[in-house]
Protein backbone atom coordinates (compact mmCIF):
# COMPACT_ATOMS: atom_id res chain seq x y z
CA MET A 1 52.22 -3.48 43.62
CA SER A 2 53.60 -2.84 47.11
CA VAL A 3 56.54 -0.97 48.56
CA SER A 4 59.10 -2.72 50.75
CA SER A 5 60.71 -1.32 53.88
CA THR A 6 63.68 -0.17 51.78
CA GLY A 7 61.42 1.91 49.54
CA ARG A 8 61.61 -0.46 46.55
CA THR A 9 58.48 -1.39 44.65
CA ILE A 10 57.66 -5.10 44.83
CA SER A 11 55.08 -7.00 42.84
CA GLN A 12 52.60 -9.60 44.08
CA GLN A 13 54.90 -12.39 42.82
CA GLN A 14 57.84 -10.96 44.77
CA LYS A 15 55.77 -10.82 47.97
CA LEU A 16 54.92 -14.51 47.62
CA ALA A 17 58.53 -15.60 46.98
CA LYS A 18 60.40 -17.07 49.94
CA LEU A 19 64.09 -16.53 49.29
CA LYS A 20 65.58 -18.46 52.24
CA GLY A 21 65.43 -22.14 53.13
CA ASP A 22 62.95 -24.32 51.22
CA THR A 23 62.06 -22.01 48.35
CA THR A 24 58.74 -22.02 46.53
CA VAL A 25 57.44 -19.34 44.20
CA GLU A 26 53.81 -18.85 43.24
CA ILE A 27 53.24 -17.76 39.63
CA GLU A 28 49.98 -16.54 38.17
CA ASN A 29 48.56 -18.57 35.30
CA ASN A 30 46.45 -16.26 33.13
CA GLN A 31 45.49 -18.95 30.59
CA GLY A 32 42.49 -20.35 32.45
CA ASN A 33 42.39 -23.78 34.09
CA SER A 34 45.48 -25.90 33.73
CA LEU A 35 45.49 -29.64 33.12
CA ASN A 36 48.77 -30.07 35.00
CA THR A 37 47.70 -31.26 38.45
CA ASP A 38 49.35 -33.66 40.84
CA ALA A 39 47.74 -36.42 42.92
CA GLN A 40 46.47 -33.99 45.59
CA GLY A 41 44.81 -31.81 42.94
CA GLN A 42 47.26 -28.89 43.28
CA ASP A 43 48.10 -26.98 40.15
CA ILE A 44 51.73 -27.79 39.27
CA ASP A 45 52.11 -24.63 37.15
CA LYS A 46 51.52 -22.39 40.18
CA LEU A 47 54.21 -23.81 42.48
CA VAL A 48 57.82 -23.92 41.31
CA LYS A 49 60.36 -25.51 43.63
CA LEU A 50 63.90 -24.20 43.33
CA GLU A 51 66.33 -27.12 43.45
CA SER A 52 69.61 -25.48 44.54
CA PRO A 53 69.55 -24.37 48.19
CA ASN A 54 73.25 -23.31 48.06
CA VAL A 55 72.54 -20.31 45.81
CA GLU A 56 72.63 -17.03 47.71
CA VAL A 57 70.08 -14.67 46.17
CA HIS A 58 71.35 -11.09 45.96
CA ASP A 59 68.33 -9.39 44.39
CA THR A 60 65.34 -10.15 42.17
CA LEU A 61 64.27 -8.65 38.85
CA ALA A 62 60.60 -7.96 38.17
CA ILE A 63 61.06 -8.30 34.39
CA SER A 64 60.09 -11.96 34.20
CA HIS A 65 58.09 -12.56 37.39
CA VAL A 66 60.57 -13.35 40.19
CA ARG A 67 63.99 -13.95 38.66
CA PRO A 68 66.75 -14.29 41.29
CA THR A 69 70.15 -12.73 40.61
CA SER A 70 73.28 -13.69 42.48
CA ALA A 71 76.34 -11.65 43.39
CA SER A 72 79.37 -11.89 41.09
CA ASP A 73 83.11 -11.23 41.18
CA LEU A 74 82.96 -9.54 37.76
CA HIS A 75 84.24 -5.95 37.86
CA VAL A 76 82.21 -3.97 35.31
CA ALA A 77 84.17 -1.22 33.53
CA HIS A 78 81.39 -0.06 31.17
CA THR A 79 78.01 -1.18 29.90
CA MET A 80 76.77 -1.53 26.33
CA ASN A 81 73.14 -1.19 25.27
CA SER A 82 72.63 -3.93 22.67
CA SER A 83 69.45 -5.98 23.19
CA GLY A 84 69.46 -4.85 26.79
CA ILE A 85 72.17 -3.49 29.05
CA ARG A 86 75.23 -5.75 28.84
CA PRO A 87 78.29 -5.43 31.11
CA ILE A 88 81.85 -5.05 29.82
CA GLY A 89 84.24 -6.53 32.35
CA GLU A 90 87.60 -5.13 33.41
CA ASN A 91 90.72 -6.61 31.85
CA THR A 92 92.52 -9.11 34.08
CA MET A 93 95.32 -9.87 31.58
CA GLU A 94 98.75 -8.29 32.14
CA VAL A 95 99.67 -6.59 28.86
CA VAL A 96 103.42 -6.56 28.12
CA GLU A 97 103.33 -4.87 24.70
CA SER A 98 100.91 -4.08 21.87
CA ILE A 99 100.89 -4.75 18.12
CA TYR A 100 99.48 -1.90 16.06
CA GLU A 101 99.02 -3.83 12.78
CA SER A 102 95.30 -4.18 11.91
CA GLY A 103 94.15 -2.58 15.15
CA VAL A 104 95.58 -2.48 18.64
CA ARG A 105 96.22 -6.03 19.82
CA PRO A 106 97.58 -6.76 23.30
CA ILE A 107 100.54 -9.08 23.91
CA ALA A 108 100.63 -10.98 27.19
CA SER A 109 103.58 -12.87 28.63
CA SER A 110 103.44 -16.65 28.86
CA GLY A 111 105.60 -19.66 29.69
CA LEU A 112 105.63 -20.87 26.06
CA ILE A 113 109.06 -22.13 24.98
CA ILE A 114 109.64 -20.87 21.44
CA SER A 115 111.80 -23.02 19.16
CA GLN A 116 111.78 -20.73 16.10
CA THR A 117 109.85 -17.96 14.37
CA TYR A 118 108.59 -17.73 10.80
CA SER A 119 108.88 -14.39 9.07
CA ALA A 120 106.39 -15.50 6.39
CA MET A 121 103.65 -15.56 9.05
CA GLY A 122 104.40 -12.11 10.49
CA ASN A 123 107.13 -13.26 12.92
CA ARG A 124 104.73 -15.47 14.81
CA PRO A 125 106.31 -17.86 17.31
CA VAL A 126 106.32 -21.61 16.75
CA ALA A 127 106.32 -23.79 19.86
CA SER A 128 108.29 -26.97 20.18
CA ASN A 129 106.62 -30.33 19.56
CA THR A 130 108.43 -31.91 22.51
CA ILE A 131 105.93 -33.59 24.83
CA ASP A 132 106.47 -33.71 28.60
CA ASP A 133 105.08 -37.22 29.17
CA PRO A 134 104.54 -38.99 25.80
CA ASP A 135 103.52 -42.36 27.34
CA SER A 136 100.52 -40.96 29.19
CA ILE A 137 99.38 -38.88 26.21
CA MET A 138 99.74 -41.76 23.75
CA GLY A 139 97.96 -44.06 26.19
CA PHE A 140 95.10 -41.57 26.32
CA LEU A 141 94.89 -41.52 22.51
CA ASP A 142 94.79 -45.33 22.26
């Protein structure tokens, strides 16, 4: 274990990881000699080449050797501890009203054109069966 210039603890695997450019990561193999070798005699299990150079690595987790994590646009409102810490994202839906039957259920606005409602189904809207471009849809189905 080592400490980086930012004061974070880094493992031997994290020191060997190159996170910019052509990326290779060395991984320890604790199961003795491996039979996976290439033509030059190098152990394939010890060098892992990352295929996507366009990924911008934000941080690494030391849980499973060197696991890169990338930045996200998800806004986390809360976290839940169920088989690990899981994020709960902020709501991006605009709520117009709520139904309080069988729990609080949000109602969002939409561009759905309603032709009629059925009271037997709890006043649920029924959309029209009119199709914008029937020739292209029927051609797709054929």
